[in-house]
Amino acid sequence: MTMRSKWTAAGVALLMGLTGGALQAQQLKDENLLVGMPQGFKLGFKDSKNGMNMQEFVPASETVENWTEMVTVQVFLGRKDLQPSQFLALMQKQWAEACKGSTATPVATGKVNGYDAASILLRCPLLTSTNKPETTVLKAIKGNDSFYVVQRAVRSVPTPERLETMKKYIESVSVCDSRLPTRLCPTVK
């Protein structure tokens, strides 16, 4: 149920440079979302409209129309009004409306590098549009400049090991800001 966003938009600089691309070492500037592309994935979709930048990543042999696993990154530019827990509650509601028998489990609420953040695990036993189960872990982070959402989904009932991999990936997502000494950004190679 990795939805092409229905929400009004907002976010700032999205960093995908941590994915091992051919970049020279450089210092990130201003506020950045720190998220890496999983090994063996490729960019399958990219769009920017209504103040939202979105990218979807799928395994190299798959497409965004036919995937087994997907990472979706959304940056809602300038949206300082959004709150992580409220945003994820809306996602949970939309998920429940789209999938009968779905479940939601909060994963974490608190701070990530000093920013308000929350994450949730959503499970759908059978999504009617694909006739497959779907499980996703989402993380929302309220930055000072923008609002960030990262989602890792599988069209299956994941094994405990795969679910743990999904959760660890989402846990690694962070935001940094070169303008704030307590939230400095790493050098990207």
N, C-alpha and C. Protein backbone atom coordinates (compact mmCIF):
# COMPACT_ATOMS: atom_id res chain seq x y z
N MET A 1 0.82 -1.17 0.00
CA MET A 1 0.00 0.00 0.00
C MET A 1 0.87 1.24 0.00
N THR A 2 2.03 1.15 -0.58
CA THR A 2 2.90 2.30 -0.68
C THR A 2 2.22 3.29 -1.60
N MET A 3 1.54 4.24 -1.01
CA MET A 3 0.68 5.14 -1.75
C MET A 3 1.48 6.28 -2.37
N ARG A 4 1.13 6.64 -3.58
CA ARG A 4 1.64 7.87 -4.16
C ARG A 4 0.83 8.95 -3.48
N SER A 5 1.50 9.75 -2.73
CA SER A 5 0.93 10.62 -1.71
C SER A 5 -0.37 11.33 -2.06
N LYS A 6 -1.32 11.27 -1.11
CA LYS A 6 -2.56 12.01 -1.20
C LYS A 6 -2.48 13.27 -0.35
N TRP A 7 -1.41 13.41 0.40
CA TRP A 7 -1.32 14.48 1.38
C TRP A 7 -0.84 15.76 0.73
N THR A 8 -1.22 16.87 1.33
CA THR A 8 -0.62 18.12 0.91
C THR A 8 0.83 18.08 1.33
N ALA A 9 1.67 18.77 0.59
CA ALA A 9 3.09 18.51 0.67
C ALA A 9 3.91 19.45 1.55
N ALA A 10 5.20 19.02 1.80
CA ALA A 10 6.27 19.82 2.38
C ALA A 10 7.52 19.05 2.87
N GLY A 11 8.99 19.54 3.05
CA GLY A 11 10.30 18.90 3.44
C GLY A 11 11.57 19.68 3.14
N VAL A 12 12.88 19.36 2.96
CA VAL A 12 14.01 20.20 2.44
C VAL A 12 14.98 19.38 1.61
N ALA A 13 16.25 19.41 1.90
CA ALA A 13 17.25 18.70 1.10
C ALA A 13 17.23 17.22 1.42
N LEU A 14 17.03 16.40 0.41
CA LEU A 14 17.02 14.95 0.58
C LEU A 14 18.40 14.42 0.21
N LEU A 15 18.97 13.64 1.11
CA LEU A 15 20.28 13.08 0.87
C LEU A 15 20.16 11.61 0.53
N MET A 16 20.48 11.28 -0.70
CA MET A 16 20.60 9.87 -1.06
C MET A 16 22.06 9.56 -1.34
N GLY A 17 22.94 10.50 -1.10
CA GLY A 17 24.36 10.32 -1.34
C GLY A 17 25.00 9.27 -0.46
N LEU A 18 24.34 8.88 0.62
CA LEU A 18 24.90 7.84 1.49
C LEU A 18 24.71 6.46 0.90
N THR A 19 24.22 6.38 -0.32
CA THR A 19 23.92 5.10 -0.92
C THR A 19 25.10 4.49 -1.64
N GLY A 20 26.23 5.11 -1.56
CA GLY A 20 27.40 4.53 -2.21
C GLY A 20 27.56 5.00 -3.64
N GLY A 21 26.88 6.05 -4.03
CA GLY A 21 27.02 6.57 -5.39
C GLY A 21 28.41 7.14 -5.58
N ALA A 22 28.73 7.47 -6.80
CA ALA A 22 30.06 7.97 -7.13
C ALA A 22 30.15 9.46 -6.83
N LEU A 23 30.23 9.79 -5.56
CA LEU A 23 30.34 11.17 -5.13
C LEU A 23 31.70 11.39 -4.52
N GLN A 24 32.24 12.61 -4.69
CA GLN A 24 33.46 12.95 -4.00
C GLN A 24 33.09 13.31 -2.56
N ALA A 25 34.06 13.19 -1.66
CA ALA A 25 33.80 13.56 -0.27
C ALA A 25 33.37 15.02 -0.21
N GLN A 26 32.28 15.28 0.47
CA GLN A 26 31.77 16.64 0.59
C GLN A 26 31.00 16.79 1.89
N GLN A 27 30.93 18.01 2.36
CA GLN A 27 30.19 18.29 3.58
C GLN A 27 28.77 18.70 3.19
N LEU A 28 27.79 18.12 3.83
CA LEU A 28 26.40 18.48 3.58
C LEU A 28 26.13 19.86 4.14
N LYS A 29 25.22 20.58 3.51
CA LYS A 29 24.87 21.91 3.95
C LYS A 29 23.41 21.97 4.35
N ASP A 30 23.13 22.73 5.39
CA ASP A 30 21.78 22.97 5.89
C ASP A 30 21.16 21.68 6.43
N GLU A 31 19.83 21.55 6.35
CA GLU A 31 19.13 20.39 6.89
C GLU A 31 19.04 19.29 5.85
N ASN A 32 19.33 18.05 6.26
CA ASN A 32 19.35 16.92 5.33
C ASN A 32 18.74 15.68 5.95
N LEU A 33 18.00 14.95 5.14
CA LEU A 33 17.52 13.64 5.53
C LEU A 33 18.62 12.64 5.24
N LEU A 34 18.98 11.84 6.23
CA LEU A 34 20.03 10.84 6.07
C LEU A 34 19.37 9.48 5.92
N VAL A 35 19.38 8.97 4.70
CA VAL A 35 18.77 7.68 4.41
C VAL A 35 19.55 7.04 3.27
N GLY A 36 19.86 5.79 3.42
CA GLY A 36 20.61 5.09 2.39
C GLY A 36 19.73 4.19 1.56
N MET A 37 20.12 3.96 0.33
CA MET A 37 19.42 3.01 -0.51
C MET A 37 19.89 1.60 -0.15
N PRO A 38 18.97 0.67 0.11
CA PRO A 38 19.41 -0.69 0.43
C PRO A 38 20.23 -1.30 -0.71
N GLN A 39 21.18 -2.13 -0.34
CA GLN A 39 22.03 -2.79 -1.32
C GLN A 39 21.17 -3.58 -2.32
N GLY A 40 21.47 -3.44 -3.60
CA GLY A 40 20.75 -4.16 -4.64
C GLY A 40 19.49 -3.46 -5.11
N PHE A 41 19.22 -2.27 -4.60
CA PHE A 41 18.04 -1.51 -5.02
C PHE A 41 18.42 -0.48 -6.07
N LYS A 42 17.40 0.03 -6.77
CA LYS A 42 17.57 1.10 -7.75
C LYS A 42 16.44 2.11 -7.57
N LEU A 43 16.66 3.31 -8.10
CA LEU A 43 15.61 4.31 -8.11
C LEU A 43 14.58 3.90 -9.16
N GLY A 44 13.32 3.74 -8.75
CA GLY A 44 12.28 3.32 -9.68
C GLY A 44 11.31 4.43 -10.04
N PHE A 45 11.22 5.45 -9.17
CA PHE A 45 10.28 6.54 -9.40
C PHE A 45 10.77 7.76 -8.65
N LYS A 46 10.60 8.93 -9.28
CA LYS A 46 10.99 10.19 -8.66
C LYS A 46 10.02 11.25 -9.13
N ASP A 47 9.53 12.07 -8.20
CA ASP A 47 8.60 13.13 -8.55
C ASP A 47 8.75 14.27 -7.56
N SER A 48 8.42 15.45 -8.01
CA SER A 48 8.45 16.63 -7.16
C SER A 48 7.30 17.53 -7.59
N LYS A 49 6.30 17.65 -6.70
CA LYS A 49 5.19 18.54 -7.00
C LYS A 49 4.46 18.91 -5.71
N ASN A 50 3.79 20.04 -5.78
CA ASN A 50 3.02 20.53 -4.64
C ASN A 50 3.83 20.59 -3.36
N GLY A 51 5.13 20.92 -3.46
CA GLY A 51 5.96 21.05 -2.27
C GLY A 51 6.42 19.74 -1.67
N MET A 52 6.28 18.64 -2.41
CA MET A 52 6.74 17.36 -1.89
C MET A 52 7.68 16.71 -2.91
N ASN A 53 8.83 16.27 -2.41
CA ASN A 53 9.74 15.46 -3.22
C ASN A 53 9.56 14.01 -2.80
N MET A 54 9.47 13.12 -3.78
CA MET A 54 9.26 11.70 -3.47
C MET A 54 10.15 10.84 -4.35
N GLN A 55 10.71 9.81 -3.74
CA GLN A 55 11.50 8.82 -4.46
C GLN A 55 11.08 7.44 -3.98
N GLU A 56 11.01 6.49 -4.93
CA GLU A 56 10.71 5.10 -4.59
C GLU A 56 11.84 4.23 -5.12
N PHE A 57 12.32 3.34 -4.27
CA PHE A 57 13.42 2.44 -4.60
C PHE A 57 12.93 1.01 -4.52
N VAL A 58 13.31 0.21 -5.51
CA VAL A 58 12.91 -1.20 -5.56
C VAL A 58 14.13 -2.05 -5.89
N PRO A 59 14.06 -3.37 -5.64
CA PRO A 59 15.17 -4.23 -6.06
C PRO A 59 15.48 -4.04 -7.54
N ALA A 60 16.74 -4.16 -7.90
CA ALA A 60 17.21 -3.86 -9.26
C ALA A 60 16.44 -4.59 -10.35
N SER A 61 15.92 -5.78 -10.08
CA SER A 61 15.21 -6.56 -11.10
C SER A 61 13.70 -6.29 -11.11
N GLU A 62 13.23 -5.34 -10.29
CA GLU A 62 11.79 -5.09 -10.18
C GLU A 62 11.44 -3.67 -10.63
N THR A 63 10.14 -3.39 -10.69
CA THR A 63 9.65 -2.07 -11.04
C THR A 63 8.72 -1.56 -9.94
N VAL A 64 8.38 -0.28 -9.97
CA VAL A 64 7.46 0.25 -8.97
C VAL A 64 6.03 -0.24 -9.23
N GLU A 65 5.78 -0.79 -10.39
CA GLU A 65 4.47 -1.38 -10.67
C GLU A 65 4.39 -2.83 -10.19
N ASN A 66 5.51 -3.52 -10.15
CA ASN A 66 5.54 -4.93 -9.77
C ASN A 66 6.76 -5.16 -8.88
N TRP A 67 6.56 -5.03 -7.56
CA TRP A 67 7.67 -5.12 -6.63
C TRP A 67 7.36 -6.07 -5.48
N THR A 68 8.43 -6.57 -4.87
CA THR A 68 8.28 -7.38 -3.66
C THR A 68 8.71 -6.60 -2.43
N GLU A 69 9.56 -5.59 -2.66
CA GLU A 69 10.03 -4.74 -1.57
C GLU A 69 10.24 -3.33 -2.13
N MET A 70 9.90 -2.32 -1.32
CA MET A 70 10.03 -0.94 -1.77
C MET A 70 10.40 -0.03 -0.60
N VAL A 71 11.24 0.94 -0.89
CA VAL A 71 11.55 2.02 0.04
C VAL A 71 11.00 3.30 -0.58
N THR A 72 10.19 4.02 0.18
CA THR A 72 9.62 5.29 -0.28
C THR A 72 10.13 6.39 0.64
N VAL A 73 10.64 7.46 0.01
CA VAL A 73 11.16 8.61 0.74
C VAL A 73 10.36 9.83 0.33
N GLN A 74 9.79 10.53 1.30
CA GLN A 74 9.02 11.75 1.03
C GLN A 74 9.58 12.89 1.87
N VAL A 75 9.77 14.02 1.20
CA VAL A 75 10.21 15.23 1.87
C VAL A 75 9.14 16.28 1.61
N PHE A 76 8.48 16.72 2.68
CA PHE A 76 7.43 17.73 2.59
C PHE A 76 8.08 19.09 2.88
N LEU A 77 8.38 19.81 1.83
CA LEU A 77 9.17 21.04 1.91
C LEU A 77 8.46 22.13 2.71
N GLY A 78 9.17 22.66 3.70
CA GLY A 78 8.68 23.79 4.47
C GLY A 78 7.57 23.47 5.46
N ARG A 79 7.19 22.22 5.59
CA ARG A 79 6.05 21.86 6.46
C ARG A 79 6.51 21.67 7.89
N LYS A 80 6.56 22.75 8.62
CA LYS A 80 6.93 22.71 10.03
C LYS A 80 5.72 22.46 10.91
N ASP A 81 4.53 22.45 10.31
CA ASP A 81 3.29 22.28 11.06
C ASP A 81 2.93 20.82 11.31
N LEU A 82 3.54 19.90 10.58
CA LEU A 82 3.20 18.48 10.73
C LEU A 82 3.88 17.88 11.96
N GLN A 83 3.19 16.95 12.61
CA GLN A 83 3.70 16.27 13.79
C GLN A 83 3.83 14.77 13.48
N PRO A 84 4.96 14.14 13.82
CA PRO A 84 5.17 12.73 13.48
C PRO A 84 4.05 11.79 13.94
N SER A 85 3.66 11.84 15.20
CA SER A 85 2.63 10.91 15.70
C SER A 85 1.29 11.14 15.02
N GLN A 86 0.92 12.39 14.81
CA GLN A 86 -0.35 12.69 14.14
C GLN A 86 -0.33 12.24 12.69
N PHE A 87 0.78 12.45 12.02
CA PHE A 87 0.92 12.03 10.63
C PHE A 87 0.79 10.51 10.51
N LEU A 88 1.46 9.79 11.40
CA LEU A 88 1.40 8.33 11.36
C LEU A 88 0.02 7.82 11.75
N ALA A 89 -0.69 8.53 12.62
CA ALA A 89 -2.07 8.16 12.96
C ALA A 89 -2.96 8.27 11.71
N LEU A 90 -2.74 9.30 10.90
CA LEU A 90 -3.48 9.45 9.65
C LEU A 90 -3.14 8.30 8.69
N MET A 91 -1.86 7.96 8.61
CA MET A 91 -1.43 6.83 7.77
C MET A 91 -2.10 5.54 8.24
N GLN A 92 -2.14 5.33 9.54
CA GLN A 92 -2.77 4.13 10.11
C GLN A 92 -4.24 4.09 9.73
N LYS A 93 -4.92 5.21 9.81
CA LYS A 93 -6.34 5.29 9.46
C LYS A 93 -6.55 4.96 7.99
N GLN A 94 -5.74 5.55 7.11
CA GLN A 94 -5.85 5.28 5.68
C GLN A 94 -5.54 3.80 5.37
N TRP A 95 -4.57 3.26 6.06
CA TRP A 95 -4.19 1.86 5.90
C TRP A 95 -5.37 0.96 6.28
N ALA A 96 -5.99 1.24 7.43
CA ALA A 96 -7.12 0.44 7.91
C ALA A 96 -8.31 0.51 6.95
N GLU A 97 -8.53 1.68 6.35
CA GLU A 97 -9.62 1.84 5.38
C GLU A 97 -9.35 1.06 4.10
N ALA A 98 -8.08 0.95 3.72
CA ALA A 98 -7.72 0.27 2.48
C ALA A 98 -7.55 -1.24 2.64
N CYS A 99 -7.42 -1.70 3.89
CA CYS A 99 -7.14 -3.12 4.11
C CYS A 99 -7.91 -3.64 5.31
N LYS A 100 -8.89 -4.47 5.04
CA LYS A 100 -9.68 -5.08 6.12
C LYS A 100 -8.78 -6.02 6.93
N GLY A 101 -8.89 -5.91 8.25
CA GLY A 101 -8.12 -6.78 9.14
C GLY A 101 -6.69 -6.32 9.36
N SER A 102 -6.37 -5.10 8.96
CA SER A 102 -5.00 -4.61 9.14
C SER A 102 -4.72 -4.36 10.62
N THR A 103 -3.43 -4.35 10.95
CA THR A 103 -3.01 -4.06 12.32
C THR A 103 -1.92 -3.00 12.30
N ALA A 104 -1.81 -2.28 13.40
CA ALA A 104 -0.78 -1.25 13.56
C ALA A 104 -0.11 -1.43 14.90
N THR A 105 1.22 -1.33 14.91
CA THR A 105 1.99 -1.43 16.13
C THR A 105 2.97 -0.27 16.19
N PRO A 106 2.82 0.63 17.17
CA PRO A 106 3.82 1.69 17.31
C PRO A 106 5.19 1.06 17.57
N VAL A 107 6.22 1.59 16.92
CA VAL A 107 7.57 1.06 17.10
C VAL A 107 8.35 1.96 18.04
N ALA A 108 8.30 3.27 17.81
CA ALA A 108 9.05 4.20 18.65
C ALA A 108 8.48 5.61 18.51
N THR A 109 8.58 6.35 19.60
CA THR A 109 8.26 7.78 19.60
C THR A 109 9.31 8.45 20.45
N GLY A 110 9.80 9.58 19.98
CA GLY A 110 10.83 10.28 20.75
C GLY A 110 11.63 11.19 19.87
N LYS A 111 12.93 11.22 20.12
CA LYS A 111 13.83 12.11 19.39
C LYS A 111 14.82 11.29 18.55
N VAL A 112 15.15 11.82 17.38
CA VAL A 112 16.20 11.29 16.52
C VAL A 112 17.13 12.45 16.22
N ASN A 113 18.33 12.39 16.76
CA ASN A 113 19.31 13.47 16.61
C ASN A 113 18.71 14.82 17.04
N GLY A 114 17.86 14.79 18.06
CA GLY A 114 17.25 16.00 18.58
C GLY A 114 15.95 16.42 17.92
N TYR A 115 15.51 15.70 16.89
CA TYR A 115 14.27 16.01 16.17
C TYR A 115 13.15 15.09 16.63
N ASP A 116 11.92 15.62 16.72
CA ASP A 116 10.76 14.79 17.05
C ASP A 116 10.57 13.75 15.95
N ALA A 117 10.33 12.50 16.37
CA ALA A 117 10.17 11.41 15.40
C ALA A 117 9.24 10.36 15.97
N ALA A 118 8.67 9.58 15.07
CA ALA A 118 7.84 8.44 15.46
C ALA A 118 7.91 7.41 14.34
N SER A 119 7.72 6.15 14.71
CA SER A 119 7.68 5.09 13.70
C SER A 119 6.58 4.10 14.06
N ILE A 120 6.10 3.40 13.03
CA ILE A 120 4.98 2.48 13.18
C ILE A 120 5.16 1.30 12.23
N LEU A 121 4.65 0.16 12.65
CA LEU A 121 4.61 -1.05 11.83
C LEU A 121 3.16 -1.30 11.44
N LEU A 122 2.89 -1.39 10.15
CA LEU A 122 1.54 -1.65 9.65
C LEU A 122 1.53 -2.96 8.89
N ARG A 123 0.51 -3.77 9.14
CA ARG A 123 0.39 -5.08 8.47
C ARG A 123 -0.99 -5.19 7.84
N CYS A 124 -1.00 -5.68 6.61
CA CYS A 124 -2.25 -5.93 5.90
C CYS A 124 -2.26 -7.41 5.49
N PRO A 125 -3.24 -8.19 5.97
CA PRO A 125 -3.25 -9.62 5.66
C PRO A 125 -3.48 -9.91 4.17
N LEU A 126 -4.28 -9.08 3.49
CA LEU A 126 -4.52 -9.27 2.06
C LEU A 126 -5.02 -7.97 1.45
N LEU A 127 -4.17 -7.35 0.66
CA LEU A 127 -4.52 -6.10 -0.01
C LEU A 127 -5.28 -6.45 -1.29
N THR A 128 -6.51 -6.01 -1.40
CA THR A 128 -7.35 -6.41 -2.54
C THR A 128 -6.79 -5.94 -3.88
N SER A 129 -6.12 -4.80 -3.91
CA SER A 129 -5.59 -4.30 -5.19
C SER A 129 -4.46 -5.16 -5.74
N THR A 130 -3.75 -5.91 -4.88
CA THR A 130 -2.65 -6.76 -5.35
C THR A 130 -2.90 -8.24 -5.08
N ASN A 131 -3.89 -8.52 -4.25
CA ASN A 131 -4.18 -9.89 -3.82
C ASN A 131 -2.99 -10.51 -3.09
N LYS A 132 -2.24 -9.65 -2.37
CA LYS A 132 -1.07 -10.09 -1.61
C LYS A 132 -1.09 -9.42 -0.24
N PRO A 133 -0.44 -10.04 0.74
CA PRO A 133 -0.27 -9.35 2.03
C PRO A 133 0.76 -8.24 1.86
N GLU A 134 0.72 -7.26 2.75
CA GLU A 134 1.72 -6.19 2.72
C GLU A 134 2.04 -5.76 4.15
N THR A 135 3.32 -5.55 4.38
CA THR A 135 3.81 -5.10 5.68
C THR A 135 4.74 -3.92 5.43
N THR A 136 4.61 -2.89 6.26
CA THR A 136 5.47 -1.72 6.09
C THR A 136 5.86 -1.15 7.44
N VAL A 137 7.05 -0.58 7.49
CA VAL A 137 7.52 0.16 8.66
C VAL A 137 7.76 1.59 8.17
N LEU A 138 7.20 2.55 8.89
CA LEU A 138 7.33 3.97 8.52
C LEU A 138 7.98 4.75 9.64
N LYS A 139 8.72 5.77 9.26
CA LYS A 139 9.29 6.70 10.22
C LYS A 139 9.02 8.12 9.72
N ALA A 140 8.53 8.96 10.61
CA ALA A 140 8.29 10.38 10.31
C ALA A 140 9.16 11.21 11.23
N ILE A 141 9.81 12.22 10.66
CA ILE A 141 10.69 13.11 11.43
C ILE A 141 10.32 14.55 11.13
N LYS A 142 10.13 15.32 12.19
CA LYS A 142 9.84 16.75 12.04
C LYS A 142 11.15 17.51 12.10
N GLY A 143 11.60 18.00 10.95
CA GLY A 143 12.79 18.83 10.91
C GLY A 143 12.46 20.27 11.23
N ASN A 144 13.47 21.10 11.28
CA ASN A 144 13.25 22.53 11.47
C ASN A 144 12.82 23.20 10.18
N ASP A 145 13.24 22.64 9.04
CA ASP A 145 12.92 23.23 7.74
C ASP A 145 11.80 22.49 7.03
N SER A 146 11.68 21.19 7.23
CA SER A 146 10.74 20.35 6.49
C SER A 146 10.31 19.15 7.32
N PHE A 147 9.47 18.32 6.72
CA PHE A 147 8.96 17.12 7.37
C PHE A 147 9.34 15.93 6.48
N TYR A 148 9.81 14.83 7.10
CA TYR A 148 10.38 13.71 6.37
C TYR A 148 9.67 12.41 6.73
N VAL A 149 9.40 11.59 5.71
CA VAL A 149 8.79 10.29 5.93
C VAL A 149 9.55 9.26 5.09
N VAL A 150 9.95 8.17 5.74
CA VAL A 150 10.62 7.07 5.05
C VAL A 150 9.84 5.80 5.39
N GLN A 151 9.61 5.00 4.36
CA GLN A 151 8.80 3.79 4.50
C GLN A 151 9.53 2.63 3.81
N ARG A 152 9.58 1.50 4.47
CA ARG A 152 10.11 0.28 3.86
C ARG A 152 9.02 -0.77 3.92
N ALA A 153 8.59 -1.24 2.75
CA ALA A 153 7.45 -2.15 2.64
C ALA A 153 7.83 -3.43 1.91
N VAL A 154 7.13 -4.51 2.27
CA VAL A 154 7.25 -5.78 1.55
C VAL A 154 5.85 -6.28 1.24
N ARG A 155 5.71 -6.89 0.08
CA ARG A 155 4.44 -7.51 -0.29
C ARG A 155 4.49 -8.98 0.07
N SER A 156 4.46 -9.20 1.38
CA SER A 156 4.51 -10.55 1.92
C SER A 156 4.29 -10.46 3.42
N VAL A 157 4.23 -11.62 4.04
CA VAL A 157 4.31 -11.69 5.49
C VAL A 157 5.79 -11.95 5.76
N PRO A 158 6.52 -10.96 6.25
CA PRO A 158 7.96 -11.13 6.37
C PRO A 158 8.35 -12.11 7.47
N THR A 159 9.46 -12.80 7.24
CA THR A 159 10.03 -13.64 8.28
C THR A 159 10.49 -12.72 9.41
N PRO A 160 10.67 -13.26 10.62
CA PRO A 160 11.18 -12.41 11.70
C PRO A 160 12.51 -11.74 11.34
N GLU A 161 13.37 -12.44 10.61
CA GLU A 161 14.66 -11.86 10.21
C GLU A 161 14.46 -10.69 9.24
N ARG A 162 13.58 -10.86 8.27
CA ARG A 162 13.33 -9.79 7.30
C ARG A 162 12.69 -8.59 7.98
N LEU A 163 11.77 -8.84 8.90
CA LEU A 163 11.13 -7.75 9.64
C LEU A 163 12.17 -7.00 10.47
N GLU A 164 13.10 -7.72 11.07
CA GLU A 164 14.16 -7.08 11.84
C GLU A 164 15.04 -6.21 10.94
N THR A 165 15.34 -6.68 9.73
CA THR A 165 16.10 -5.89 8.76
C THR A 165 15.36 -4.61 8.40
N MET A 166 14.05 -4.71 8.19
CA MET A 166 13.23 -3.54 7.87
C MET A 166 13.26 -2.53 9.01
N LYS A 167 13.10 -3.02 10.24
CA LYS A 167 13.09 -2.14 11.41
C LYS A 167 14.44 -1.45 11.60
N LYS A 168 15.54 -2.20 11.43
CA LYS A 168 16.88 -1.62 11.58
C LYS A 168 17.12 -0.55 10.52
N TYR A 169 16.66 -0.79 9.32
CA TYR A 169 16.79 0.20 8.26
C TYR A 169 16.08 1.50 8.67
N ILE A 170 14.84 1.37 9.12
CA ILE A 170 14.06 2.55 9.52
C ILE A 170 14.71 3.24 10.72
N GLU A 171 15.23 2.45 11.66
CA GLU A 171 15.91 3.05 12.83
C GLU A 171 17.12 3.88 12.41
N SER A 172 17.77 3.52 11.30
CA SER A 172 18.97 4.24 10.86
C SER A 172 18.67 5.59 10.21
N VAL A 173 17.42 5.84 9.86
CA VAL A 173 17.04 7.09 9.20
C VAL A 173 17.14 8.23 10.21
N SER A 174 17.75 9.34 9.78
CA SER A 174 17.95 10.48 10.67
C SER A 174 17.92 11.78 9.86
N VAL A 175 18.01 12.88 10.57
CA VAL A 175 18.10 14.21 9.97
C VAL A 175 19.27 14.91 10.64
N CYS A 176 20.02 15.70 9.87
CA CYS A 176 21.11 16.49 10.41
C CYS A 176 20.99 17.91 9.90
N ASP A 177 21.77 18.82 10.49
CA ASP A 177 21.74 20.21 10.05
C ASP A 177 23.12 20.81 10.27
N SER A 178 23.77 21.20 9.19
CA SER A 178 25.12 21.77 9.28
C SER A 178 25.14 23.10 10.01
N ARG A 179 23.99 23.73 10.20
CA ARG A 179 23.91 25.03 10.86
C ARG A 179 23.82 24.91 12.38
N LEU A 180 23.59 23.67 12.88
CA LEU A 180 23.40 23.47 14.32
C LEU A 180 24.53 22.60 14.87
N PRO A 181 25.34 23.12 15.78
CA PRO A 181 26.48 22.36 16.30
C PRO A 181 26.09 21.03 16.93
N THR A 182 24.87 20.92 17.49
CA THR A 182 24.47 19.67 18.13
C THR A 182 23.87 18.67 17.15
N ARG A 183 23.71 19.07 15.90
CA ARG A 183 23.08 18.18 14.90
C ARG A 183 23.89 18.18 13.59
N LEU A 184 25.19 18.25 13.71
CA LEU A 184 26.05 18.35 12.52
C LEU A 184 25.89 17.15 11.60
N CYS A 185 26.14 17.40 10.31
CA CYS A 185 26.02 16.36 9.28
C CYS A 185 27.35 15.67 9.06
N PRO A 186 27.30 14.39 8.68
CA PRO A 186 28.54 13.68 8.37
C PRO A 186 29.09 14.13 7.01
N THR A 187 30.36 13.84 6.80
CA THR A 187 30.97 14.07 5.48
C THR A 187 30.55 12.90 4.61
N VAL A 188 30.07 13.19 3.41
CA VAL A 188 29.64 12.16 2.49
C VAL A 188 30.76 11.84 1.53
N LYS A 189 31.02 10.55 1.35
CA LYS A 189 32.08 10.12 0.43
C LYS A 189 31.48 9.63 -0.85
